[in-house]
Amino acid sequence: MFLGTVVALTKRIRACEGSLRIVCPSARMRAVFAHSGLADSY
């Protein structure tokens, strides 16, 4: 559910000519982004 929120926010931020970076030092958390197919987008 949060991953969907990140995608929706990214669209809104980019529509406003902004950008988003993610701080995520946990390998376990990064794996969640990777398994969802989002790792290459951020």
PDB file of all heavy atoms in Angstrom:
ATOM      1  N   MET A   1       0.842  -1.199   0.000  1.00  0.00           N
ATOM      2  CA  MET A   1       0.000   0.000   0.000  1.00  0.00           C
ATOM      3  C   MET A   1       0.880   1.253   0.000  1.00  0.00           C
ATOM      4  O   MET A   1       0.615   2.206  -0.732  1.00  0.00           O
ATOM      5  CB  MET A   1      -0.925   0.001   1.214  1.00  0.00           C
ATOM      6  CG  MET A   1      -1.946   1.093   1.160  1.00  0.00           C
ATOM      7  SD  MET A   1      -3.094   0.882  -0.200  1.00  0.00           S
ATOM      8  CE  MET A   1      -4.436   0.139   0.664  1.00  0.00           C
ATOM      9  N   PHE A   2       1.937   1.229   0.800  1.00  0.00           N
ATOM     10  CA  PHE A   2       2.850   2.368   0.821  1.00  0.00           C
ATOM     11  C   PHE A   2       3.593   2.488  -0.511  1.00  0.00           C
ATOM     12  O   PHE A   2       3.806   3.599  -0.990  1.00  0.00           O
ATOM     13  CB  PHE A   2       3.844   2.278   1.975  1.00  0.00           C
ATOM     14  CG  PHE A   2       4.826   3.407   1.954  1.00  0.00           C
ATOM     15  CD1 PHE A   2       4.415   4.704   2.250  1.00  0.00           C
ATOM     16  CD2 PHE A   2       6.142   3.194   1.581  1.00  0.00           C
ATOM     17  CE1 PHE A   2       5.311   5.767   2.182  1.00  0.00           C
ATOM     18  CE2 PHE A   2       7.037   4.253   1.521  1.00  0.00           C
ATOM     19  CZ  PHE A   2       6.622   5.534   1.823  1.00  0.00           C
ATOM     20  N   LEU A   3       3.977   1.357  -1.109  1.00  0.00           N
ATOM     21  CA  LEU A   3       4.654   1.430  -2.410  1.00  0.00           C
ATOM     22  C   LEU A   3       3.758   2.116  -3.439  1.00  0.00           C
ATOM     23  O   LEU A   3       4.229   2.925  -4.239  1.00  0.00           O
ATOM     24  CB  LEU A   3       5.057   0.034  -2.885  1.00  0.00           C
ATOM     25  CG  LEU A   3       6.138  -0.662  -2.074  1.00  0.00           C
ATOM     26  CD1 LEU A   3       6.371  -2.056  -2.625  1.00  0.00           C
ATOM     27  CD2 LEU A   3       7.426   0.138  -2.049  1.00  0.00           C
ATOM     28  N   GLY A   4       2.473   1.815  -3.409  1.00  0.00           N
ATOM     29  CA  GLY A   4       1.536   2.495  -4.300  1.00  0.00           C
ATOM     30  C   GLY A   4       1.480   3.989  -4.023  1.00  0.00           C
ATOM     31  O   GLY A   4       1.384   4.801  -4.943  1.00  0.00           O
ATOM     32  N   THR A   5       1.577   4.347  -2.752  1.00  0.00           N
ATOM     33  CA  THR A   5       1.598   5.765  -2.370  1.00  0.00           C
ATOM     34  C   THR A   5       2.845   6.444  -2.918  1.00  0.00           C
ATOM     35  O   THR A   5       2.778   7.574  -3.415  1.00  0.00           O
ATOM     36  CB  THR A   5       1.528   5.902  -0.834  1.00  0.00           C
ATOM     37  OG1 THR A   5       0.287   5.329  -0.403  1.00  0.00           O
ATOM     38  CG2 THR A   5       1.617   7.346  -0.392  1.00  0.00           C
ATOM     39  N   VAL A   6       3.982   5.772  -2.858  1.00  0.00           N
ATOM     40  CA  VAL A   6       5.230   6.339  -3.398  1.00  0.00           C
ATOM     41  C   VAL A   6       5.088   6.589  -4.900  1.00  0.00           C
ATOM     42  O   VAL A   6       5.474   7.643  -5.399  1.00  0.00           O
ATOM     43  CB  VAL A   6       6.444   5.422  -3.106  1.00  0.00           C
ATOM     44  CG1 VAL A   6       7.677   5.880  -3.868  1.00  0.00           C
ATOM     45  CG2 VAL A   6       6.732   5.381  -1.613  1.00  0.00           C
ATOM     46  N   VAL A   7       4.514   5.639  -5.617  1.00  0.00           N
ATOM     47  CA  VAL A   7       4.323   5.803  -7.063  1.00  0.00           C
ATOM     48  C   VAL A   7       3.394   6.988  -7.343  1.00  0.00           C
ATOM     49  O   VAL A   7       3.691   7.834  -8.193  1.00  0.00           O
ATOM     50  CB  VAL A   7       3.781   4.507  -7.696  1.00  0.00           C
ATOM     51  CG1 VAL A   7       3.362   4.740  -9.146  1.00  0.00           C
ATOM     52  CG2 VAL A   7       4.823   3.400  -7.615  1.00  0.00           C
ATOM     53  N   ALA A   8       2.285   7.072  -6.619  1.00  0.00           N
ATOM     54  CA  ALA A   8       1.343   8.184  -6.822  1.00  0.00           C
ATOM     55  C   ALA A   8       1.993   9.522  -6.497  1.00  0.00           C
ATOM     56  O   ALA A   8       1.819  10.502  -7.248  1.00  0.00           O
ATOM     57  CB  ALA A   8       0.098   7.972  -5.961  1.00  0.00           C
ATOM     58  N   LEU A   9       2.747   9.572  -5.414  1.00  0.00           N
ATOM     59  CA  LEU A   9       3.436  10.822  -5.058  1.00  0.00           C
ATOM     60  C   LEU A   9       4.480  11.194  -6.095  1.00  0.00           C
ATOM     61  O   LEU A   9       4.642  12.367  -6.424  1.00  0.00           O
ATOM     62  CB  LEU A   9       4.076  10.702  -3.674  1.00  0.00           C
ATOM     63  CG  LEU A   9       3.120  10.733  -2.498  1.00  0.00           C
ATOM     64  CD1 LEU A   9       3.861  10.429  -1.201  1.00  0.00           C
ATOM     65  CD2 LEU A   9       2.394  12.075  -2.418  1.00  0.00           C
ATOM     66  N   THR A  10       5.174  10.202  -6.602  1.00  0.00           N
ATOM     67  CA  THR A  10       6.193  10.464  -7.628  1.00  0.00           C
ATOM     68  C   THR A  10       5.556  11.130  -8.842  1.00  0.00           C
ATOM     69  O   THR A  10       6.097  12.103  -9.383  1.00  0.00           O
ATOM     70  CB  THR A  10       6.899   9.162  -8.032  1.00  0.00           C
ATOM     71  OG1 THR A  10       7.520   8.600  -6.882  1.00  0.00           O
ATOM     72  CG2 THR A  10       7.950   9.411  -9.105  1.00  0.00           C
ATOM     73  N   LYS A  11       4.423  10.628  -9.255  1.00  0.00           N
ATOM     74  CA  LYS A  11       3.725  11.223 -10.408  1.00  0.00           C
ATOM     75  C   LYS A  11       3.349  12.675 -10.134  1.00  0.00           C
ATOM     76  O   LYS A  11       3.529  13.544 -10.985  1.00  0.00           O
ATOM     77  CB  LYS A  11       2.485  10.408 -10.758  1.00  0.00           C
ATOM     78  CG  LYS A  11       2.810   9.067 -11.364  1.00  0.00           C
ATOM     79  CD  LYS A  11       1.557   8.273 -11.644  1.00  0.00           C
ATOM     80  CE  LYS A  11       1.912   6.909 -12.211  1.00  0.00           C
ATOM     81  NZ  LYS A  11       0.716   6.106 -12.482  1.00  0.00           N
ATOM     82  N   ARG A  12       2.835  12.946  -8.943  1.00  0.00           N
ATOM     83  CA  ARG A  12       2.444  14.314  -8.584  1.00  0.00           C
ATOM     84  C   ARG A  12       3.664  15.231  -8.498  1.00  0.00           C
ATOM     85  O   ARG A  12       3.636  16.373  -8.966  1.00  0.00           O
ATOM     86  CB  ARG A  12       1.695  14.328  -7.252  1.00  0.00           C
ATOM     87  CG  ARG A  12       0.347  13.665  -7.272  1.00  0.00           C
ATOM     88  CD  ARG A  12      -0.705  14.455  -8.049  1.00  0.00           C
ATOM     89  NE  ARG A  12      -1.107  15.688  -7.431  1.00  0.00           N
ATOM     90  CZ  ARG A  12      -2.082  15.824  -6.555  1.00  0.00           C
ATOM     91  NH1 ARG A  12      -2.780  14.779  -6.164  1.00  0.00           N
ATOM     92  NH2 ARG A  12      -2.364  17.001  -6.052  1.00  0.00           N
ATOM     93  N   ILE A  13       4.731  14.732  -7.881  1.00  0.00           N
ATOM     94  CA  ILE A  13       5.960  15.530  -7.738  1.00  0.00           C
ATOM     95  C   ILE A  13       6.534  15.852  -9.111  1.00  0.00           C
ATOM     96  O   ILE A  13       6.899  16.996  -9.394  1.00  0.00           O
ATOM     97  CB  ILE A  13       6.982  14.793  -6.846  1.00  0.00           C
ATOM     98  CG1 ILE A  13       6.496  14.768  -5.392  1.00  0.00           C
ATOM     99  CG2 ILE A  13       8.362  15.427  -6.953  1.00  0.00           C
ATOM    100  CD1 ILE A  13       7.269  13.810  -4.492  1.00  0.00           C
ATOM    101  N   ARG A  14       6.610  14.861  -9.973  1.00  0.00           N
ATOM    102  CA  ARG A  14       7.166  15.084 -11.312  1.00  0.00           C
ATOM    103  C   ARG A  14       6.277  15.988 -12.152  1.00  0.00           C
ATOM    104  O   ARG A  14       6.774  16.758 -12.973  1.00  0.00           O
ATOM    105  CB  ARG A  14       7.439  13.757 -11.997  1.00  0.00           C
ATOM    106  CG  ARG A  14       8.621  13.039 -11.356  1.00  0.00           C
ATOM    107  CD  ARG A  14       8.929  11.747 -12.028  1.00  0.00           C
ATOM    108  NE  ARG A  14      10.109  11.123 -11.413  1.00  0.00           N
ATOM    109  CZ  ARG A  14      10.506   9.908 -11.659  1.00  0.00           C
ATOM    110  NH1 ARG A  14       9.850   9.155 -12.523  1.00  0.00           N
ATOM    111  NH2 ARG A  14      11.581   9.421 -11.052  1.00  0.00           N
ATOM    112  N   ALA A  15       4.963  15.922 -11.946  1.00  0.00           N
ATOM    113  CA  ALA A  15       4.047  16.825 -12.655  1.00  0.00           C
ATOM    114  C   ALA A  15       4.304  18.277 -12.263  1.00  0.00           C
ATOM    115  O   ALA A  15       4.024  19.191 -13.039  1.00  0.00           O
ATOM    116  CB  ALA A  15       2.599  16.440 -12.363  1.00  0.00           C
ATOM    117  N   CYS A  16       4.852  18.476 -11.075  1.00  0.00           N
ATOM    118  CA  CYS A  16       5.207  19.823 -10.593  1.00  0.00           C
ATOM    119  C   CYS A  16       6.671  20.147 -10.866  1.00  0.00           C
ATOM    120  O   CYS A  16       7.241  21.058 -10.257  1.00  0.00           O
ATOM    121  CB  CYS A  16       4.924  19.930  -9.098  1.00  0.00           C
ATOM    122  SG  CYS A  16       3.198  19.819  -8.669  1.00  0.00           S
ATOM    123  N   GLU A  17       7.296  19.364 -11.772  1.00  0.00           N
ATOM    124  CA  GLU A  17       8.706  19.521 -12.140  1.00  0.00           C
ATOM    125  C   GLU A  17       9.633  19.326 -10.955  1.00  0.00           C
ATOM    126  O   GLU A  17      10.678  19.962 -10.851  1.00  0.00           O
ATOM    127  CB  GLU A  17       8.945  20.857 -12.822  1.00  0.00           C
ATOM    128  CG  GLU A  17       8.194  20.994 -14.124  1.00  0.00           C
ATOM    129  CD  GLU A  17       8.510  22.288 -14.853  1.00  0.00           C
ATOM    130  OE1 GLU A  17       9.251  23.135 -14.317  1.00  0.00           O
ATOM    131  OE2 GLU A  17       8.004  22.445 -15.967  1.00  0.00           O
ATOM    132  N   GLY A  18       9.261  18.421 -10.055  1.00  0.00           N
ATOM    133  CA  GLY A  18      10.090  18.102  -8.903  1.00  0.00           C
ATOM    134  C   GLY A  18      10.748  16.750  -9.053  1.00  0.00           C
ATOM    135  O   GLY A  18      10.648  16.097 -10.092  1.00  0.00           O
ATOM    136  N   SER A  19      11.424  16.337  -7.983  1.00  0.00           N
ATOM    137  CA  SER A  19      12.112  15.055  -7.994  1.00  0.00           C
ATOM    138  C   SER A  19      12.027  14.411  -6.613  1.00  0.00           C
ATOM    139  O   SER A  19      11.740  15.078  -5.624  1.00  0.00           O
ATOM    140  CB  SER A  19      13.566  15.235  -8.427  1.00  0.00           C
ATOM    141  OG  SER A  19      14.235  16.130  -7.554  1.00  0.00           O
ATOM    142  N   LEU A  20      12.295  13.101  -6.578  1.00  0.00           N
ATOM    143  CA  LEU A  20      12.205  12.342  -5.342  1.00  0.00           C
ATOM    144  C   LEU A  20      13.392  11.398  -5.228  1.00  0.00           C
ATOM    145  O   LEU A  20      13.705  10.670  -6.175  1.00  0.00           O
ATOM    146  CB  LEU A  20      10.905  11.526  -5.308  1.00  0.00           C
ATOM    147  CG  LEU A  20      10.728  10.571  -4.135  1.00  0.00           C
ATOM    148  CD1 LEU A  20      10.553  11.347  -2.836  1.00  0.00           C
ATOM    149  CD2 LEU A  20       9.534   9.655  -4.375  1.00  0.00           C
ATOM    150  N   ARG A  21      14.036  11.443  -4.084  1.00  0.00           N
ATOM    151  CA  ARG A  21      15.099  10.503  -3.736  1.00  0.00           C
ATOM    152  C   ARG A  21      14.657   9.751  -2.490  1.00  0.00           C
ATOM    153  O   ARG A  21      13.921  10.287  -1.674  1.00  0.00           O
ATOM    154  CB  ARG A  21      16.407  11.236  -3.454  1.00  0.00           C
ATOM    155  CG  ARG A  21      16.993  11.878  -4.683  1.00  0.00           C
ATOM    156  CD  ARG A  21      18.267  12.605  -4.369  1.00  0.00           C
ATOM    157  NE  ARG A  21      18.898  13.016  -5.614  1.00  0.00           N
ATOM    158  CZ  ARG A  21      20.035  13.679  -5.675  1.00  0.00           C
ATOM    159  NH1 ARG A  21      20.666  14.019  -4.554  1.00  0.00           N
ATOM    160  NH2 ARG A  21      20.551  14.010  -6.832  1.00  0.00           N
ATOM    161  N   ILE A  22      15.130   8.516  -2.365  1.00  0.00           N
ATOM    162  CA  ILE A  22      14.729   7.693  -1.224  1.00  0.00           C
ATOM    163  C   ILE A  22      15.956   7.289  -0.428  1.00  0.00           C
ATOM    164  O   ILE A  22      16.935   6.784  -0.989  1.00  0.00           O
ATOM    165  CB  ILE A  22      13.955   6.451  -1.686  1.00  0.00           C
ATOM    166  CG1 ILE A  22      12.676   6.878  -2.419  1.00  0.00           C
ATOM    167  CG2 ILE A  22      13.633   5.543  -0.498  1.00  0.00           C
ATOM    168  CD1 ILE A  22      11.888   5.749  -3.026  1.00  0.00           C
ATOM    169  N   VAL A  23      15.906   7.523   0.888  1.00  0.00           N
ATOM    170  CA  VAL A  23      16.954   7.078   1.794  1.00  0.00           C
ATOM    171  C   VAL A  23      16.464   5.779   2.411  1.00  0.00           C
ATOM    172  O   VAL A  23      15.417   5.751   3.067  1.00  0.00           O
ATOM    173  CB  VAL A  23      17.244   8.120   2.896  1.00  0.00           C
ATOM    174  CG1 VAL A  23      18.239   7.565   3.897  1.00  0.00           C
ATOM    175  CG2 VAL A  23      17.747   9.407   2.279  1.00  0.00           C
ATOM    176  N   CYS A  24      17.209   4.723   2.150  1.00  0.00           N
ATOM    177  CA  CYS A  24      16.802   3.398   2.606  1.00  0.00           C
ATOM    178  C   CYS A  24      18.048   2.549   2.806  1.00  0.00           C
ATOM    179  O   CYS A  24      18.464   1.824   1.907  1.00  0.00           O
ATOM    180  CB  CYS A  24      15.869   2.782   1.569  1.00  0.00           C
ATOM    181  SG  CYS A  24      15.142   1.235   2.052  1.00  0.00           S
ATOM    182  N   PRO A  25      18.673   2.633   3.974  1.00  0.00           N
ATOM    183  CA  PRO A  25      19.906   1.885   4.197  1.00  0.00           C
ATOM    184  C   PRO A  25      19.690   0.391   4.400  1.00  0.00           C
ATOM    185  O   PRO A  25      20.627  -0.388   4.292  1.00  0.00           O
ATOM    186  CB  PRO A  25      20.487   2.532   5.447  1.00  0.00           C
ATOM    187  CG  PRO A  25      19.335   3.123   6.161  1.00  0.00           C
ATOM    188  CD  PRO A  25      18.345   3.500   5.090  1.00  0.00           C
ATOM    189  N   SER A  26      18.475  -0.038   4.654  1.00  0.00           N
ATOM    190  CA  SER A  26      18.176  -1.437   4.931  1.00  0.00           C
ATOM    191  C   SER A  26      18.097  -2.261   3.641  1.00  0.00           C
ATOM    192  O   SER A  26      17.285  -1.971   2.761  1.00  0.00           O
ATOM    193  CB  SER A  26      16.843  -1.531   5.680  1.00  0.00           C
ATOM    194  OG  SER A  26      16.342  -2.841   5.649  1.00  0.00           O
ATOM    195  N   ALA A  27      18.913  -3.299   3.556  1.00  0.00           N
ATOM    196  CA  ALA A  27      18.881  -4.187   2.396  1.00  0.00           C
ATOM    197  C   ALA A  27      17.520  -4.887   2.296  1.00  0.00           C
ATOM    198  O   ALA A  27      17.000  -5.103   1.196  1.00  0.00           O
ATOM    199  CB  ALA A  27      19.994  -5.220   2.490  1.00  0.00           C
ATOM    200  N   ARG A  28      16.935  -5.192   3.428  1.00  0.00           N
ATOM    201  CA  ARG A  28      15.623  -5.845   3.448  1.00  0.00           C
ATOM    202  C   ARG A  28      14.556  -4.929   2.836  1.00  0.00           C
ATOM    203  O   ARG A  28      13.719  -5.377   2.056  1.00  0.00           O
ATOM    204  CB  ARG A  28      15.267  -6.214   4.891  1.00  0.00           C
ATOM    205  CG  ARG A  28      13.987  -6.999   5.034  1.00  0.00           C
ATOM    206  CD  ARG A  28      13.761  -7.451   6.474  1.00  0.00           C
ATOM    207  NE  ARG A  28      13.872  -6.395   7.456  1.00  0.00           N
ATOM    208  CZ  ARG A  28      12.875  -5.599   7.829  1.00  0.00           C
ATOM    209  NH1 ARG A  28      11.697  -5.728   7.284  1.00  0.00           N
ATOM    210  NH2 ARG A  28      13.062  -4.674   8.746  1.00  0.00           N
ATOM    211  N   MET A  29      14.613  -3.645   3.181  1.00  0.00           N
ATOM    212  CA  MET A  29      13.648  -2.694   2.631  1.00  0.00           C
ATOM    213  C   MET A  29      13.876  -2.473   1.134  1.00  0.00           C
ATOM    214  O   MET A  29      12.914  -2.383   0.371  1.00  0.00           O
ATOM    215  CB  MET A  29      13.742  -1.355   3.357  1.00  0.00           C
ATOM    216  CG  MET A  29      13.331  -1.459   4.777  1.00  0.00           C
ATOM    217  SD  MET A  29      11.586  -1.367   4.908  1.00  0.00           S
ATOM    218  CE  MET A  29      11.508  -0.191   6.196  1.00  0.00           C
ATOM    219  N   ARG A  30      15.125  -2.394   0.744  1.00  0.00           N
ATOM    220  CA  ARG A  30      15.405  -2.221  -0.689  1.00  0.00           C
ATOM    221  C   ARG A  30      14.916  -3.424  -1.479  1.00  0.00           C
ATOM    222  O   ARG A  30      14.489  -3.285  -2.622  1.00  0.00           O
ATOM    223  CB  ARG A  30      16.896  -1.987  -0.919  1.00  0.00           C
ATOM    224  CG  ARG A  30      17.328  -0.610  -0.528  1.00  0.00           C
ATOM    225  CD  ARG A  30      18.706  -0.315  -1.037  1.00  0.00           C
ATOM    226  NE  ARG A  30      19.203   0.913  -0.458  1.00  0.00           N
ATOM    227  CZ  ARG A  30      20.269   1.530  -0.898  1.00  0.00           C
ATOM    228  NH1 ARG A  30      20.963   1.055  -1.908  1.00  0.00           N
ATOM    229  NH2 ARG A  30      20.665   2.650  -0.330  1.00  0.00           N
ATOM    230  N   ALA A  31      14.968  -4.591  -0.851  1.00  0.00           N
ATOM    231  CA  ALA A  31      14.473  -5.802  -1.516  1.00  0.00           C
ATOM    232  C   ALA A  31      12.973  -5.690  -1.797  1.00  0.00           C
ATOM    233  O   ALA A  31      12.491  -6.181  -2.823  1.00  0.00           O
ATOM    234  CB  ALA A  31      14.770  -7.033  -0.670  1.00  0.00           C
ATOM    235  N   VAL A  32      12.227  -5.024  -0.924  1.00  0.00           N
ATOM    236  CA  VAL A  32      10.793  -4.817  -1.147  1.00  0.00           C
ATOM    237  C   VAL A  32      10.593  -3.987  -2.419  1.00  0.00           C
ATOM    238  O   VAL A  32       9.759  -4.310  -3.263  1.00  0.00           O
ATOM    239  CB  VAL A  32      10.123  -4.145   0.075  1.00  0.00           C
ATOM    240  CG1 VAL A  32       8.677  -3.786  -0.228  1.00  0.00           C
ATOM    241  CG2 VAL A  32      10.216  -5.040   1.297  1.00  0.00           C
ATOM    242  N   PHE A  33      11.395  -2.938  -2.573  1.00  0.00           N
ATOM    243  CA  PHE A  33      11.312  -2.126  -3.792  1.00  0.00           C
ATOM    244  C   PHE A  33      11.715  -2.959  -5.012  1.00  0.00           C
ATOM    245  O   PHE A  33      11.088  -2.871  -6.067  1.00  0.00           O
ATOM    246  CB  PHE A  33      12.210  -0.888  -3.674  1.00  0.00           C
ATOM    247  CG  PHE A  33      11.621   0.219  -2.856  1.00  0.00           C
ATOM    248  CD1 PHE A  33      11.888   0.317  -1.499  1.00  0.00           C
ATOM    249  CD2 PHE A  33      10.807   1.180  -3.438  1.00  0.00           C
ATOM    250  CE1 PHE A  33      11.349   1.348  -0.742  1.00  0.00           C
ATOM    251  CE2 PHE A  33      10.258   2.214  -2.683  1.00  0.00           C
ATOM    252  CZ  PHE A  33      10.533   2.294  -1.329  1.00  0.00           C
ATOM    253  N   ALA A  34      12.747  -3.772  -4.871  1.00  0.00           N
ATOM    254  CA  ALA A  34      13.220  -4.597  -5.980  1.00  0.00           C
ATOM    255  C   ALA A  34      12.169  -5.626  -6.397  1.00  0.00           C
ATOM    256  O   ALA A  34      11.873  -5.776  -7.584  1.00  0.00           O
ATOM    257  CB  ALA A  34      14.522  -5.289  -5.596  1.00  0.00           C
ATOM    258  N   HIS A  35      11.589  -6.322  -5.429  1.00  0.00           N
ATOM    259  CA  HIS A  35      10.584  -7.350  -5.738  1.00  0.00           C
ATOM    260  C   HIS A  35       9.320  -6.759  -6.353  1.00  0.00           C
ATOM    261  O   HIS A  35       8.607  -7.439  -7.078  1.00  0.00           O
ATOM    262  CB  HIS A  35      10.232  -8.160  -4.492  1.00  0.00           C
ATOM    263  CG  HIS A  35      11.363  -9.002  -3.988  1.00  0.00           C
ATOM    264  ND1 HIS A  35      12.100  -9.846  -4.781  1.00  0.00           N
ATOM    265  CD2 HIS A  35      11.894  -9.106  -2.748  1.00  0.00           C
ATOM    266  CE1 HIS A  35      13.033 -10.439  -4.071  1.00  0.00           C
ATOM    267  NE2 HIS A  35      12.936 -10.001  -2.826  1.00  0.00           N
ATOM    268  N   SER A  36       9.069  -5.508  -6.075  1.00  0.00           N
ATOM    269  CA  SER A  36       7.885  -4.857  -6.642  1.00  0.00           C
ATOM    270  C   SER A  36       8.157  -4.281  -8.027  1.00  0.00           C
ATOM    271  O   SER A  36       7.249  -3.775  -8.674  1.00  0.00           O
ATOM    272  CB  SER A  36       7.415  -3.737  -5.714  1.00  0.00           C
ATOM    273  OG  SER A  36       8.362  -2.688  -5.712  1.00  0.00           O
ATOM    274  N   GLY A  37       9.413  -4.323  -8.455  1.00  0.00           N
ATOM    275  CA  GLY A  37       9.770  -3.777  -9.762  1.00  0.00           C
ATOM    276  C   GLY A  37      10.051  -2.284  -9.750  1.00  0.00           C
ATOM    277  O   GLY A  37      10.204  -1.672 -10.799  1.00  0.00           O
ATOM    278  N   LEU A  38      10.151  -1.686  -8.562  1.00  0.00           N
ATOM    279  CA  LEU A  38      10.337  -0.238  -8.460  1.00  0.00           C
ATOM    280  C   LEU A  38      11.785   0.196  -8.247  1.00  0.00           C
ATOM    281  O   LEU A  38      12.080   1.384  -8.317  1.00  0.00           O
ATOM    282  CB  LEU A  38       9.487   0.326  -7.311  1.00  0.00           C
ATOM    283  CG  LEU A  38       7.984   0.235  -7.496  1.00  0.00           C
ATOM    284  CD1 LEU A  38       7.270   0.699  -6.238  1.00  0.00           C
ATOM    285  CD2 LEU A  38       7.548   1.050  -8.700  1.00  0.00           C
ATOM    286  N   ALA A  39      12.671  -0.725  -7.979  1.00  0.00           N
ATOM    287  CA  ALA A  39      14.049  -0.361  -7.617  1.00  0.00           C
ATOM    288  C   ALA A  39      14.747   0.470  -8.687  1.00  0.00           C
ATOM    289  O   ALA A  39      15.496   1.395  -8.363  1.00  0.00           O
ATOM    290  CB  ALA A  39      14.869  -1.603  -7.299  1.00  0.00           C
ATOM    291  N   ASP A  40      14.494   0.182  -9.947  1.00  0.00           N
ATOM    292  CA  ASP A  40      15.169   0.914 -11.023  1.00  0.00           C
ATOM    293  C   ASP A  40      14.557   2.290 -11.282  1.00  0.00           C
ATOM    294  O   ASP A  40      15.104   3.079 -12.044  1.00  0.00           O
ATOM    295  CB  ASP A  40      15.140   0.099 -12.320  1.00  0.00           C
ATOM    296  CG  ASP A  40      15.992  -1.150 -12.223  1.00  0.00           C
ATOM    297  OD1 ASP A  40      16.918  -1.181 -11.378  1.00  0.00           O
ATOM    298  OD2 ASP A  40      15.727  -2.102 -12.989  1.00  0.00           O
ATOM    299  N   SER A  41      13.446   2.591 -10.644  1.00  0.00           N
ATOM    300  CA  SER A  41      12.761   3.863 -10.864  1.00  0.00           C
ATOM    301  C   SER A  41      13.194   4.965  -9.914  1.00  0.00           C
ATOM    302  O   SER A  41      12.778   6.110 -10.074  1.00  0.00           O
ATOM    303  CB  SER A  41      11.252   3.670 -10.725  1.00  0.00           C
ATOM    304  OG  SER A  41      10.792   2.741 -11.678  1.00  0.00           O
ATOM    305  N   TYR A  42      14.000   4.619  -8.914  1.00  0.00           N
ATOM    306  CA  TYR A  42      14.379   5.585  -7.887  1.00  0.00           C
ATOM    307  C   TYR A  42      15.868   5.546  -7.606  1.00  0.00           C
ATOM    308  O   TYR A  42      16.531   4.535  -7.820  1.00  0.00           O
ATOM    309  CB  TYR A  42      13.613   5.303  -6.577  1.00  0.00           C
ATOM    310  CG  TYR A  42      12.135   5.487  -6.748  1.00  0.00           C
ATOM    311  CD1 TYR A  42      11.315   4.404  -7.039  1.00  0.00           C
ATOM    312  CD2 TYR A  42      11.562   6.753  -6.680  1.00  0.00           C
ATOM    313  CE1 TYR A  42       9.956   4.578  -7.244  1.00  0.00           C
ATOM    314  CE2 TYR A  42      10.203   6.927  -6.878  1.00  0.00           C
ATOM    315  CZ  TYR A  42       9.414   5.830  -7.163  1.00  0.00           C
ATOM    316  OH  TYR A  42       8.078   6.013  -7.368  1.00  0.00           O
TER     317      TYR A  42
END
